[in-house]
Amino acid sequence: MEKREKTVSMAEIMTPDMANFSGNVHGGYILSFIDKVAYACACRYAGTAIVTLSVDRVYFKDPVHVGDLLTFHASINFVGTSSMEVGVKVVAENLKTGEKRHTNTCYLTMVALDDNKKPTAVPKLELNNEIDKRRFEEAKIRRETRLKLYREHLERKKQME
């Protein structure tokens, strides 16, 4: 099986039309771009159509300013049968001073689809170094937590019917 690329980086300059009422870049715009870069990363890795199943653990650590260059670094952290966790790190750079700030971190679950829009298998994830192994183990814990919460939600919903 051919080795698949498991990272993507994309960047965009933040313009005034992206600002919220406080004058900083709107969080919704950042979330939209996070979803795009996660899609690109998962699609590149799986080599098939992708849909977003969930977005969780979004951390807004620092405001993003108009004029900042925002770089989104995405990586495949975990692979199940048809699902993948994509971690996205967002770095803002002040182009005048060169200062860089880690502003956001987010984890998304993406699902690979076949031509009939049904979940399909994705390639096994190769863990090539200690960073890959750490990300995989942390993603496995997040996955178990998501599944536990989802099962509890279904059980409560069933009890209410």
C-alpha atoms as a PDB file:
ATOM      1  CA  MET A   1       0.000   0.000   0.000  1.00  0.00           C
ATOM      2  CA  GLU A   2       1.311   3.457  -0.865  1.00  0.00           C
ATOM      3  CA  LYS A   3       2.310   5.798   1.934  1.00  0.00           C
ATOM      4  CA  ARG A   4      -0.229   8.613   2.369  1.00  0.00           C
ATOM      5  CA  GLU A   5       0.607  12.185   3.353  1.00  0.00           C
ATOM      6  CA  LYS A   6      -0.803  12.877   6.844  1.00  0.00           C
ATOM      7  CA  THR A   7      -0.287  16.622   7.244  1.00  0.00           C
ATOM      8  CA  VAL A   8      -1.455  19.828   5.588  1.00  0.00           C
ATOM      9  CA  SER A   9      -0.611  23.469   6.294  1.00  0.00           C
ATOM     10  CA  MET A  10      -2.623  26.362   4.883  1.00  0.00           C
ATOM     11  CA  ALA A  11      -2.305  30.091   5.530  1.00  0.00           C
ATOM     12  CA  GLU A  12      -4.425  33.186   5.009  1.00  0.00           C
ATOM     13  CA  ILE A  13      -4.030  36.869   5.807  1.00  0.00           C
ATOM     14  CA  MET A  14      -6.775  38.196   8.106  1.00  0.00           C
ATOM     15  CA  THR A  15      -8.677  41.099   6.534  1.00  0.00           C
ATOM     16  CA  PRO A  16     -11.168  43.648   7.949  1.00  0.00           C
ATOM     17  CA  ASP A  17     -14.185  41.753   6.561  1.00  0.00           C
ATOM     18  CA  MET A  18     -13.313  38.887   8.948  1.00  0.00           C
ATOM     19  CA  ALA A  19     -13.500  41.067  12.084  1.00  0.00           C
ATOM     20  CA  ASN A  20     -16.159  40.837  14.792  1.00  0.00           C
ATOM     21  CA  PHE A  21     -17.661  43.740  16.759  1.00  0.00           C
ATOM     22  CA  SER A  22     -14.596  43.818  19.032  1.00  0.00           C
ATOM     23  CA  GLY A  23     -12.276  44.356  16.100  1.00  0.00           C
ATOM     24  CA  ASN A  24     -10.657  40.914  16.289  1.00  0.00           C
ATOM     25  CA  VAL A  25     -11.116  38.103  13.790  1.00  0.00           C
ATOM     26  CA  HIS A  26     -14.465  36.366  14.289  1.00  0.00           C
ATOM     27  CA  GLY A  27     -14.182  32.936  15.915  1.00  0.00           C
ATOM     28  CA  GLY A  28     -16.679  31.542  13.413  1.00  0.00           C
ATOM     29  CA  TYR A  29     -14.374  32.445  10.549  1.00  0.00           C
ATOM     30  CA  ILE A  30     -11.499  30.642  12.263  1.00  0.00           C
ATOM     31  CA  LEU A  31     -13.705  27.584  12.875  1.00  0.00           C
ATOM     32  CA  SER A  32     -14.740  27.531   9.218  1.00  0.00           C
ATOM     33  CA  PHE A  33     -11.112  27.573   8.105  1.00  0.00           C
ATOM     34  CA  ILE A  34     -10.230  24.878  10.659  1.00  0.00           C
ATOM     35  CA  ASP A  35     -12.896  22.649   9.056  1.00  0.00           C
ATOM     36  CA  LYS A  36     -11.469  23.336   5.581  1.00  0.00           C
ATOM     37  CA  VAL A  37      -7.904  22.460   6.533  1.00  0.00           C
ATOM     38  CA  ALA A  38      -9.089  19.335   8.415  1.00  0.00           C
ATOM     39  CA  TYR A  39     -11.035  18.296   5.306  1.00  0.00           C
ATOM     40  CA  ALA A  40      -7.967  18.796   3.095  1.00  0.00           C
ATOM     41  CA  CYS A  41      -5.774  16.798   5.486  1.00  0.00           C
ATOM     42  CA  ALA A  42      -8.236  13.900   5.852  1.00  0.00           C
ATOM     43  CA  CYS A  43      -9.044  13.815   2.127  1.00  0.00           C
ATOM     44  CA  ARG A  44      -5.354  13.802   1.198  1.00  0.00           C
ATOM     45  CA  TYR A  45      -4.715  10.962   3.652  1.00  0.00           C
ATOM     46  CA  ALA A  46      -7.739   8.790   2.799  1.00  0.00           C
ATOM     47  CA  GLY A  47      -7.832   9.538  -0.915  1.00  0.00           C
ATOM     48  CA  THR A  48     -11.630   9.659  -0.921  1.00  0.00           C
ATOM     49  CA  ALA A  49     -14.579  11.891  -0.045  1.00  0.00           C
ATOM     50  CA  ILE A  50     -14.703  13.110   3.558  1.00  0.00           C
ATOM     51  CA  VAL A  51     -17.363  14.475   5.899  1.00  0.00           C
ATOM     52  CA  THR A  52     -16.989  16.113   9.298  1.00  0.00           C
ATOM     53  CA  LEU A  53     -18.535  13.994  12.062  1.00  0.00           C
ATOM     54  CA  SER A  54     -17.644  16.157  15.045  1.00  0.00           C
ATOM     55  CA  VAL A  55     -15.678  19.169  16.163  1.00  0.00           C
ATOM     56  CA  ASP A  56     -14.539  19.245  19.742  1.00  0.00           C
ATOM     57  CA  ARG A  57     -12.006  20.667  22.077  1.00  0.00           C
ATOM     58  CA  VAL A  58     -11.754  24.049  20.415  1.00  0.00           C
ATOM     59  CA  TYR A  59      -9.469  26.283  22.411  1.00  0.00           C
ATOM     60  CA  PHE A  60      -9.252  30.019  21.731  1.00  0.00           C
ATOM     61  CA  LYS A  61      -6.008  30.892  23.519  1.00  0.00           C
ATOM     62  CA  ASP A  62      -5.319  34.355  22.133  1.00  0.00           C
ATOM     63  CA  PRO A  63      -7.195  36.843  19.924  1.00  0.00           C
ATOM     64  CA  VAL A  64      -6.422  37.019  16.214  1.00  0.00           C
ATOM     65  CA  HIS A  65      -6.007  40.507  14.792  1.00  0.00           C
ATOM     66  CA  VAL A  66      -6.763  41.964  11.391  1.00  0.00           C
ATOM     67  CA  GLY A  67      -3.461  41.916   9.494  1.00  0.00           C
ATOM     68  CA  ASP A  68      -2.197  38.709  11.108  1.00  0.00           C
ATOM     69  CA  LEU A  69      -1.102  35.855   8.871  1.00  0.00           C
ATOM     70  CA  LEU A  70      -2.936  32.810  10.210  1.00  0.00           C
ATOM     71  CA  THR A  71      -1.313  29.437   9.512  1.00  0.00           C
ATOM     72  CA  PHE A  72      -3.308  26.260  10.127  1.00  0.00           C
ATOM     73  CA  HIS A  73      -1.264  23.082  10.691  1.00  0.00           C
ATOM     74  CA  ALA A  74      -3.341  19.881  10.450  1.00  0.00           C
ATOM     75  CA  SER A  75      -2.262  16.317  11.135  1.00  0.00           C
ATOM     76  CA  ILE A  76      -3.912  12.912  11.226  1.00  0.00           C
ATOM     77  CA  ASN A  77      -3.604  11.874  14.874  1.00  0.00           C
ATOM     78  CA  PHE A  78      -5.692   8.688  14.938  1.00  0.00           C
ATOM     79  CA  VAL A  79      -7.292   6.349  12.428  1.00  0.00           C
ATOM     80  CA  GLY A  80     -10.129   3.935  13.131  1.00  0.00           C
ATOM     81  CA  THR A  81     -11.826   1.872  10.438  1.00  0.00           C
ATOM     82  CA  SER A  82     -13.393   4.753   8.502  1.00  0.00           C
ATOM     83  CA  SER A  83     -12.876   7.656  10.893  1.00  0.00           C
ATOM     84  CA  MET A  84      -9.866   9.844  11.559  1.00  0.00           C
ATOM     85  CA  GLU A  85      -9.043  12.420  14.190  1.00  0.00           C
ATOM     86  CA  VAL A  86      -7.458  15.521  12.696  1.00  0.00           C
ATOM     87  CA  GLY A  87      -5.686  17.892  15.055  1.00  0.00           C
ATOM     88  CA  VAL A  88      -5.375  21.503  13.942  1.00  0.00           C
ATOM     89  CA  LYS A  89      -2.961  24.016  15.445  1.00  0.00           C
ATOM     90  CA  VAL A  90      -3.429  27.670  14.487  1.00  0.00           C
ATOM     91  CA  VAL A  91      -0.541  30.134  14.624  1.00  0.00           C
ATOM     92  CA  ALA A  92      -0.972  33.891  14.139  1.00  0.00           C
ATOM     93  CA  GLU A  93       1.975  35.878  12.870  1.00  0.00           C
ATOM     94  CA  ASN A  94       2.294  39.642  13.065  1.00  0.00           C
ATOM     95  CA  LEU A  95       3.946  40.300   9.715  1.00  0.00           C
ATOM     96  CA  LYS A  96       5.431  43.627  10.848  1.00  0.00           C
ATOM     97  CA  THR A  97       7.156  42.329  13.997  1.00  0.00           C
ATOM     98  CA  GLY A  98       7.533  38.637  13.145  1.00  0.00           C
ATOM     99  CA  GLU A  99       5.916  37.695  16.472  1.00  0.00           C
ATOM    100  CA  LYS A 100       4.124  34.324  16.328  1.00  0.00           C
ATOM    101  CA  ARG A 101       1.378  33.218  18.729  1.00  0.00           C
ATOM    102  CA  HIS A 102      -0.287  29.824  19.075  1.00  0.00           C
ATOM    103  CA  THR A 103      -3.911  31.012  19.102  1.00  0.00           C
ATOM    104  CA  ASN A 104      -6.066  27.925  18.653  1.00  0.00           C
ATOM    105  CA  THR A 105      -6.112  24.157  18.919  1.00  0.00           C
ATOM    106  CA  CYS A 106      -8.956  21.970  17.709  1.00  0.00           C
ATOM    107  CA  TYR A 107      -9.725  18.288  17.186  1.00  0.00           C
ATOM    108  CA  LEU A 108     -12.125  17.068  14.495  1.00  0.00           C
ATOM    109  CA  THR A 109     -13.429  13.627  13.657  1.00  0.00           C
ATOM    110  CA  MET A 110     -13.685  13.071   9.921  1.00  0.00           C
ATOM    111  CA  VAL A 111     -15.234  10.054   8.151  1.00  0.00           C
ATOM    112  CA  ALA A 112     -14.183   8.667   4.774  1.00  0.00           C
ATOM    113  CA  LEU A 113     -16.978   7.893   2.305  1.00  0.00           C
ATOM    114  CA  ASP A 114     -17.120   5.666  -0.754  1.00  0.00           C
ATOM    115  CA  ASP A 115     -18.844   6.518  -4.034  1.00  0.00           C
ATOM    116  CA  ASN A 116     -22.209   5.510  -2.492  1.00  0.00           C
ATOM    117  CA  LYS A 117     -21.721   7.951   0.415  1.00  0.00           C
ATOM    118  CA  LYS A 118     -21.177   5.062   2.856  1.00  0.00           C
ATOM    119  CA  PRO A 119     -18.287   4.887   5.358  1.00  0.00           C
ATOM    120  CA  THR A 120     -15.238   3.242   3.844  1.00  0.00           C
ATOM    121  CA  ALA A 121     -11.941   1.998   5.249  1.00  0.00           C
ATOM    122  CA  VAL A 122      -8.944   4.292   5.435  1.00  0.00           C
ATOM    123  CA  PRO A 123      -5.261   3.325   5.427  1.00  0.00           C
ATOM    124  CA  LYS A 124      -3.677   2.291   8.705  1.00  0.00           C
ATOM    125  CA  LEU A 125      -1.753   5.119  10.349  1.00  0.00           C
ATOM    126  CA  GLU A 126       2.018   4.736  10.523  1.00  0.00           C
ATOM    127  CA  LEU A 127       3.525   6.066  13.757  1.00  0.00           C
ATOM    128  CA  ASN A 128       7.027   7.093  12.761  1.00  0.00           C
ATOM    129  CA  ASN A 129       8.267   8.970  15.822  1.00  0.00           C
ATOM    130  CA  GLU A 130       7.529   9.843  19.443  1.00  0.00           C
ATOM    131  CA  ILE A 131       5.328  12.805  18.478  1.00  0.00           C
ATOM    132  CA  ASP A 132       3.167  10.547  16.266  1.00  0.00           C
ATOM    133  CA  LYS A 133       2.882   8.010  19.090  1.00  0.00           C
ATOM    134  CA  ARG A 134       1.953  10.671  21.676  1.00  0.00           C
ATOM    135  CA  ARG A 135      -0.667  12.205  19.375  1.00  0.00           C
ATOM    136  CA  PHE A 136      -2.110   8.754  18.663  1.00  0.00           C
ATOM    137  CA  GLU A 137      -2.407   7.836  22.356  1.00  0.00           C
ATOM    138  CA  GLU A 138      -3.955  11.194  23.274  1.00  0.00           C
ATOM    139  CA  ALA A 139      -6.394  10.912  20.339  1.00  0.00           C
ATOM    140  CA  LYS A 140      -7.346   7.403  21.447  1.00  0.00           C
ATOM    141  CA  ILE A 141      -8.304   8.764  24.870  1.00  0.00           C
ATOM    142  CA  ARG A 142     -10.349  11.582  23.288  1.00  0.00           C
ATOM    143  CA  ARG A 143     -12.092   9.023  21.047  1.00  0.00           C
ATOM    144  CA  GLU A 144     -12.992   6.803  24.000  1.00  0.00           C
ATOM    145  CA  THR A 145     -14.355   9.848  25.860  1.00  0.00           C
ATOM    146  CA  ARG A 146     -16.441  10.938  22.832  1.00  0.00           C
ATOM    147  CA  LEU A 147     -17.875   7.439  22.403  1.00  0.00           C
ATOM    148  CA  LYS A 148     -18.699   7.155  26.118  1.00  0.00           C
ATOM    149  CA  LEU A 149     -20.491  10.514  26.091  1.00  0.00           C
ATOM    150  CA  TYR A 150     -22.376   9.558  22.927  1.00  0.00           C
ATOM    151  CA  ARG A 151     -23.523   6.232  24.411  1.00  0.00           C
ATOM    152  CA  GLU A 152     -24.665   8.038  27.573  1.00  0.00           C
ATOM    153  CA  HIS A 153     -26.578  10.542  25.439  1.00  0.00           C
ATOM    154  CA  LEU A 154     -28.326   7.729  23.555  1.00  0.00           C
ATOM    155  CA  GLU A 155     -29.211   5.994  26.820  1.00  0.00           C
ATOM    156  CA  ARG A 156     -30.721   9.183  28.309  1.00  0.00           C
ATOM    157  CA  LYS A 157     -32.636   9.802  25.111  1.00  0.00           C
ATOM    158  CA  LYS A 158     -33.975   6.235  25.185  1.00  0.00           C
ATOM    159  CA  GLN A 159     -35.083   6.639  28.822  1.00  0.00           C
ATOM    160  CA  MET A 160     -36.983   9.827  27.953  1.00  0.00           C
ATOM    161  CA  GLU A 161     -39.021   8.133  25.212  1.00  0.00           C
END
